[in-house]
């Protein structure tokens, strides 16, 4: 899968996703400080699934005409301990392959998904 990890997404999880063969671009390294609307446009332009802990993307995604080839995954879970964050978060993300076309929220014990648009 192709992911765009927002600046607030842990580097250990970016590394774990990359190590498992996914194409991951991390905003913190590629374009630090970029505005949220530009992050969302980037995900849409490159057909990537945006991974974020930032709740603002809910409103942004709702007001955008995003293509069905991208998606947004909002993580609303407590941050795992630093030693566990990479594998735990990567495991949550890779447990599914149907993120595209949806705004998804990962919460403790459940995942909510609604179609974009």
N, C-alpha and C. Protein backbone atom coordinates (compact mmCIF):
# COMPACT_ATOMS: atom_id res chain seq x y z
N UNK A 1 0.83 -1.18 0.00
CA UNK A 1 0.00 0.00 0.00
C UNK A 1 0.88 1.24 0.00
N UNK A 2 0.28 2.34 -0.41
CA UNK A 2 0.98 3.63 -0.45
C UNK A 2 0.42 4.52 0.65
N UNK A 3 1.30 4.94 1.55
CA UNK A 3 0.89 5.75 2.69
C UNK A 3 1.61 7.09 2.69
N UNK A 4 0.93 8.08 3.26
CA UNK A 4 1.53 9.36 3.59
C UNK A 4 1.35 9.51 5.10
N UNK A 5 2.44 9.43 5.84
CA UNK A 5 2.38 9.52 7.30
C UNK A 5 2.53 10.98 7.70
N UNK A 6 1.55 11.50 8.41
CA UNK A 6 1.57 12.88 8.86
C UNK A 6 2.75 13.09 9.81
N UNK A 7 3.07 14.34 10.07
CA UNK A 7 4.19 14.66 10.95
C UNK A 7 4.06 14.03 12.33
N UNK A 8 2.84 13.88 12.83
CA UNK A 8 2.64 13.36 14.18
C UNK A 8 2.65 11.83 14.24
N UNK A 9 2.83 11.18 13.12
CA UNK A 9 2.88 9.73 13.10
C UNK A 9 4.29 9.29 13.50
N UNK A 10 4.42 8.34 14.42
CA UNK A 10 5.75 7.96 14.94
C UNK A 10 6.69 7.37 13.87
N UNK A 11 7.92 7.81 13.95
CA UNK A 11 8.94 7.33 13.03
C UNK A 11 9.13 5.82 13.07
N UNK A 12 8.99 5.23 14.26
CA UNK A 12 9.14 3.78 14.38
C UNK A 12 8.07 3.06 13.57
N UNK A 13 6.86 3.62 13.53
CA UNK A 13 5.79 3.00 12.75
C UNK A 13 6.02 3.19 11.25
N UNK A 14 6.56 4.34 10.87
CA UNK A 14 6.93 4.57 9.47
C UNK A 14 7.96 3.53 9.05
N UNK A 15 8.97 3.33 9.89
CA UNK A 15 10.01 2.35 9.58
C UNK A 15 9.45 0.94 9.50
N UNK A 16 8.54 0.59 10.41
CA UNK A 16 7.96 -0.76 10.40
C UNK A 16 7.11 -0.99 9.15
N UNK A 17 6.35 0.01 8.74
CA UNK A 17 5.55 -0.12 7.51
C UNK A 17 6.46 -0.26 6.29
N UNK A 18 7.50 0.55 6.24
CA UNK A 18 8.46 0.48 5.12
C UNK A 18 9.15 -0.88 5.09
N UNK A 19 9.55 -1.37 6.26
CA UNK A 19 10.24 -2.65 6.33
C UNK A 19 9.36 -3.80 5.87
N UNK A 20 8.04 -3.64 6.00
CA UNK A 20 7.14 -4.71 5.55
C UNK A 20 6.72 -4.53 4.09
N UNK A 21 7.41 -3.64 3.39
CA UNK A 21 7.22 -3.54 1.94
C UNK A 21 6.27 -2.46 1.45
N UNK A 22 5.79 -1.63 2.34
CA UNK A 22 4.86 -0.57 1.94
C UNK A 22 5.62 0.68 1.51
N UNK A 23 5.03 1.43 0.61
CA UNK A 23 5.58 2.69 0.13
C UNK A 23 5.08 3.78 1.08
N UNK A 24 5.96 4.30 1.92
CA UNK A 24 5.58 5.27 2.94
C UNK A 24 6.42 6.54 2.79
N UNK A 25 5.74 7.67 2.72
CA UNK A 25 6.40 8.97 2.75
C UNK A 25 6.01 9.62 4.07
N UNK A 26 7.00 10.14 4.79
CA UNK A 26 6.76 10.75 6.09
C UNK A 26 6.87 12.25 5.94
N UNK A 27 5.79 12.95 6.23
CA UNK A 27 5.75 14.41 6.09
C UNK A 27 6.86 15.06 6.91
N UNK A 28 7.16 14.52 8.09
CA UNK A 28 8.20 15.11 8.95
C UNK A 28 9.55 15.18 8.24
N UNK A 29 9.83 14.23 7.35
CA UNK A 29 11.11 14.23 6.63
C UNK A 29 11.00 14.91 5.27
N UNK A 30 9.89 14.74 4.57
CA UNK A 30 9.76 15.23 3.20
C UNK A 30 9.34 16.69 3.09
N UNK A 31 8.52 17.15 4.02
CA UNK A 31 8.01 18.53 3.94
C UNK A 31 7.54 19.01 5.32
N UNK A 32 8.46 19.12 6.28
CA UNK A 32 8.04 19.50 7.63
C UNK A 32 7.37 20.87 7.63
N UNK A 33 6.31 20.99 8.43
CA UNK A 33 5.62 22.26 8.56
C UNK A 33 4.57 22.55 7.51
N UNK A 34 4.38 21.65 6.57
CA UNK A 34 3.38 21.85 5.52
C UNK A 34 1.98 21.94 6.14
N UNK A 35 1.13 22.78 5.56
CA UNK A 35 -0.22 22.98 6.08
C UNK A 35 -1.08 21.74 5.85
N UNK A 36 -2.04 21.51 6.75
CA UNK A 36 -2.90 20.32 6.66
C UNK A 36 -3.63 20.21 5.31
N UNK A 37 -4.21 21.28 4.76
CA UNK A 37 -4.87 21.13 3.45
C UNK A 37 -3.90 20.67 2.36
N UNK A 38 -2.64 21.09 2.47
CA UNK A 38 -1.64 20.67 1.49
C UNK A 38 -1.26 19.20 1.68
N UNK A 39 -1.26 18.74 2.93
CA UNK A 39 -1.00 17.32 3.21
C UNK A 39 -2.10 16.47 2.58
N UNK A 40 -3.34 16.89 2.75
CA UNK A 40 -4.46 16.14 2.19
C UNK A 40 -4.42 16.15 0.66
N UNK A 41 -4.08 17.29 0.08
CA UNK A 41 -3.96 17.38 -1.38
C UNK A 41 -2.84 16.47 -1.88
N UNK A 42 -1.77 16.37 -1.13
CA UNK A 42 -0.64 15.51 -1.47
C UNK A 42 -1.09 14.05 -1.50
N UNK A 43 -1.81 13.64 -0.46
CA UNK A 43 -2.31 12.26 -0.42
C UNK A 43 -3.20 11.98 -1.63
N UNK A 44 -4.07 12.93 -1.97
CA UNK A 44 -4.97 12.75 -3.11
C UNK A 44 -4.19 12.68 -4.42
N UNK A 45 -3.24 13.57 -4.58
CA UNK A 45 -2.44 13.64 -5.81
C UNK A 45 -1.65 12.36 -6.06
N UNK A 46 -1.12 11.77 -4.99
CA UNK A 46 -0.27 10.59 -5.13
C UNK A 46 -0.99 9.28 -4.78
N UNK A 47 -2.31 9.34 -4.65
CA UNK A 47 -3.10 8.13 -4.34
C UNK A 47 -2.55 7.41 -3.11
N UNK A 48 -2.40 8.16 -2.03
CA UNK A 48 -1.87 7.60 -0.78
C UNK A 48 -2.94 7.61 0.30
N UNK A 49 -2.77 6.74 1.27
CA UNK A 49 -3.61 6.71 2.45
C UNK A 49 -2.91 7.56 3.50
N UNK A 50 -3.57 8.60 3.97
CA UNK A 50 -2.98 9.48 4.98
C UNK A 50 -3.15 8.84 6.36
N UNK A 51 -2.08 8.76 7.10
CA UNK A 51 -2.07 8.22 8.46
C UNK A 51 -1.82 9.38 9.41
N UNK A 52 -2.73 9.60 10.37
CA UNK A 52 -2.58 10.76 11.23
C UNK A 52 -3.22 10.54 12.59
N UNK A 53 -2.76 11.32 13.56
CA UNK A 53 -3.38 11.41 14.87
C UNK A 53 -4.12 12.75 15.00
N UNK A 54 -4.16 13.54 13.95
CA UNK A 54 -4.71 14.90 13.94
C UNK A 54 -6.20 14.88 13.58
N UNK A 55 -7.06 15.22 14.55
CA UNK A 55 -8.51 15.20 14.34
C UNK A 55 -8.97 16.21 13.29
N UNK A 56 -8.20 17.23 13.01
CA UNK A 56 -8.59 18.25 12.03
C UNK A 56 -8.84 17.66 10.65
N UNK A 57 -8.25 16.53 10.36
CA UNK A 57 -8.42 15.93 9.04
C UNK A 57 -9.83 15.41 8.81
N UNK A 58 -10.61 15.21 9.86
CA UNK A 58 -12.00 14.81 9.70
C UNK A 58 -12.78 15.88 8.95
N UNK A 59 -12.68 17.12 9.41
CA UNK A 59 -13.37 18.23 8.74
C UNK A 59 -12.80 18.49 7.36
N UNK A 60 -11.48 18.43 7.25
CA UNK A 60 -10.85 18.67 5.95
C UNK A 60 -11.30 17.63 4.92
N UNK A 61 -11.32 16.39 5.32
CA UNK A 61 -11.72 15.33 4.39
C UNK A 61 -13.18 15.47 4.00
N UNK A 62 -14.02 15.85 4.95
CA UNK A 62 -15.44 15.99 4.69
C UNK A 62 -15.70 17.10 3.68
N UNK A 63 -14.90 18.16 3.73
CA UNK A 63 -15.09 19.29 2.83
C UNK A 63 -14.34 19.18 1.52
N UNK A 64 -13.65 18.09 1.30
CA UNK A 64 -12.84 17.91 0.09
C UNK A 64 -13.46 16.85 -0.82
N UNK A 65 -13.24 17.03 -2.08
CA UNK A 65 -13.69 16.02 -3.05
C UNK A 65 -12.50 15.09 -3.31
N UNK A 66 -12.26 14.20 -2.38
CA UNK A 66 -11.10 13.31 -2.49
C UNK A 66 -11.41 12.15 -3.43
N UNK A 67 -10.42 11.76 -4.21
CA UNK A 67 -10.64 10.60 -5.09
C UNK A 67 -10.74 9.31 -4.28
N UNK A 68 -11.39 8.32 -4.84
CA UNK A 68 -11.56 7.03 -4.17
C UNK A 68 -10.25 6.26 -4.08
N UNK A 69 -9.20 6.77 -4.69
CA UNK A 69 -7.91 6.10 -4.67
C UNK A 69 -7.06 6.49 -3.46
N UNK A 70 -7.55 7.44 -2.67
CA UNK A 70 -6.82 7.78 -1.44
C UNK A 70 -7.75 7.56 -0.27
N UNK A 71 -7.27 7.81 0.92
CA UNK A 71 -8.08 7.64 2.11
C UNK A 71 -7.41 8.33 3.28
N UNK A 72 -8.11 8.40 4.38
CA UNK A 72 -7.58 8.99 5.61
C UNK A 72 -7.82 8.00 6.74
N UNK A 73 -6.77 7.72 7.50
CA UNK A 73 -6.88 6.88 8.69
C UNK A 73 -6.49 7.74 9.88
N UNK A 74 -7.48 8.02 10.72
CA UNK A 74 -7.28 8.79 11.94
C UNK A 74 -7.15 7.82 13.10
N UNK A 75 -6.05 7.90 13.80
CA UNK A 75 -5.83 7.02 14.95
C UNK A 75 -6.24 7.77 16.21
N UNK A 76 -7.20 7.23 16.92
CA UNK A 76 -7.73 7.81 18.16
C UNK A 76 -7.49 6.80 19.28
N UNK A 77 -6.26 6.41 19.42
CA UNK A 77 -5.87 5.44 20.44
C UNK A 77 -4.74 6.04 21.26
N UNK A 78 -4.57 5.59 22.49
CA UNK A 78 -3.42 6.06 23.25
C UNK A 78 -2.14 5.64 22.54
N UNK A 79 -1.17 6.52 22.55
CA UNK A 79 0.11 6.21 21.91
C UNK A 79 0.76 5.05 22.66
N UNK A 80 1.12 3.99 21.91
CA UNK A 80 1.82 2.86 22.56
C UNK A 80 3.17 3.32 23.13
N UNK A 81 3.69 2.53 24.03
CA UNK A 81 5.03 2.82 24.57
C UNK A 81 6.02 2.90 23.42
N UNK A 82 7.04 3.74 23.53
CA UNK A 82 7.98 3.93 22.43
C UNK A 82 8.54 2.63 21.85
N UNK A 83 8.84 1.66 22.69
CA UNK A 83 9.39 0.41 22.19
C UNK A 83 8.40 -0.44 21.41
N UNK A 84 7.11 -0.20 21.64
CA UNK A 84 6.06 -0.98 20.98
C UNK A 84 5.36 -0.24 19.84
N UNK A 85 5.56 1.07 19.76
CA UNK A 85 4.77 1.90 18.83
C UNK A 85 4.89 1.45 17.39
N UNK A 86 6.10 1.17 16.94
CA UNK A 86 6.29 0.82 15.54
C UNK A 86 5.50 -0.40 15.11
N UNK A 87 5.72 -1.50 15.76
CA UNK A 87 5.06 -2.74 15.38
C UNK A 87 3.56 -2.71 15.68
N UNK A 88 3.18 -2.11 16.79
CA UNK A 88 1.75 -2.05 17.15
C UNK A 88 0.96 -1.23 16.13
N UNK A 89 1.43 -0.05 15.82
CA UNK A 89 0.71 0.80 14.87
C UNK A 89 0.74 0.21 13.46
N UNK A 90 1.89 -0.31 13.06
CA UNK A 90 1.99 -0.94 11.73
C UNK A 90 1.04 -2.13 11.65
N UNK A 91 0.92 -2.88 12.72
CA UNK A 91 0.00 -4.02 12.74
C UNK A 91 -1.45 -3.60 12.58
N UNK A 92 -1.84 -2.51 13.24
CA UNK A 92 -3.21 -2.00 13.09
C UNK A 92 -3.48 -1.58 11.65
N UNK A 93 -2.52 -0.93 11.04
CA UNK A 93 -2.69 -0.42 9.67
C UNK A 93 -2.72 -1.56 8.67
N UNK A 94 -1.82 -2.51 8.80
CA UNK A 94 -1.72 -3.58 7.80
C UNK A 94 -2.74 -4.70 8.00
N UNK A 95 -3.51 -4.63 9.08
CA UNK A 95 -4.54 -5.64 9.32
C UNK A 95 -5.66 -5.55 8.29
N UNK A 96 -5.74 -4.43 7.59
CA UNK A 96 -6.77 -4.22 6.55
C UNK A 96 -6.09 -3.74 5.29
N UNK A 97 -6.77 -3.94 4.18
CA UNK A 97 -6.25 -3.39 2.92
C UNK A 97 -7.32 -2.60 2.18
N UNK A 98 -8.37 -2.20 2.90
CA UNK A 98 -9.48 -1.49 2.27
C UNK A 98 -9.61 -0.04 2.75
N UNK A 99 -8.49 0.61 3.05
CA UNK A 99 -8.51 1.99 3.53
C UNK A 99 -8.88 2.98 2.42
N UNK A 100 -8.52 2.69 1.19
CA UNK A 100 -8.76 3.63 0.08
C UNK A 100 -10.25 3.90 -0.07
N UNK A 101 -10.58 5.16 -0.33
CA UNK A 101 -11.97 5.54 -0.54
C UNK A 101 -12.74 5.78 0.74
N UNK A 102 -12.05 5.72 1.89
CA UNK A 102 -12.76 5.87 3.18
C UNK A 102 -12.05 6.85 4.10
N UNK A 103 -12.85 7.45 4.98
CA UNK A 103 -12.32 8.14 6.14
C UNK A 103 -12.51 7.14 7.28
N UNK A 104 -11.42 6.70 7.87
CA UNK A 104 -11.46 5.64 8.88
C UNK A 104 -10.93 6.16 10.20
N UNK A 105 -11.52 5.69 11.27
CA UNK A 105 -11.08 6.05 12.61
C UNK A 105 -10.78 4.76 13.36
N UNK A 106 -9.54 4.64 13.82
CA UNK A 106 -9.14 3.49 14.63
C UNK A 106 -9.22 3.92 16.09
N UNK A 107 -10.08 3.26 16.84
CA UNK A 107 -10.28 3.53 18.25
C UNK A 107 -9.98 2.24 19.02
N UNK A 108 -9.81 2.35 20.33
CA UNK A 108 -9.60 1.12 21.09
C UNK A 108 -10.76 0.15 20.87
N UNK A 109 -10.46 -1.01 20.36
CA UNK A 109 -11.46 -2.05 20.20
C UNK A 109 -12.35 -1.97 18.97
N UNK A 110 -12.21 -0.94 18.14
CA UNK A 110 -13.04 -0.88 16.95
C UNK A 110 -12.45 0.04 15.88
N UNK A 111 -12.95 -0.16 14.67
CA UNK A 111 -12.58 0.68 13.53
C UNK A 111 -13.88 1.14 12.89
N UNK A 112 -14.02 2.45 12.71
CA UNK A 112 -15.18 3.01 12.02
C UNK A 112 -14.73 3.49 10.64
N UNK A 113 -15.50 3.17 9.62
CA UNK A 113 -15.15 3.57 8.26
C UNK A 113 -16.38 4.17 7.59
N UNK A 114 -16.17 5.29 6.90
CA UNK A 114 -17.26 5.83 6.10
C UNK A 114 -16.68 6.26 4.76
N UNK A 115 -17.43 6.07 3.70
CA UNK A 115 -16.94 6.42 2.36
C UNK A 115 -16.63 7.92 2.24
N UNK A 116 -15.59 8.23 1.51
CA UNK A 116 -15.27 9.62 1.21
C UNK A 116 -16.30 10.16 0.23
N UNK A 117 -16.51 11.46 0.30
CA UNK A 117 -17.37 12.11 -0.71
C UNK A 117 -18.76 12.24 -0.39
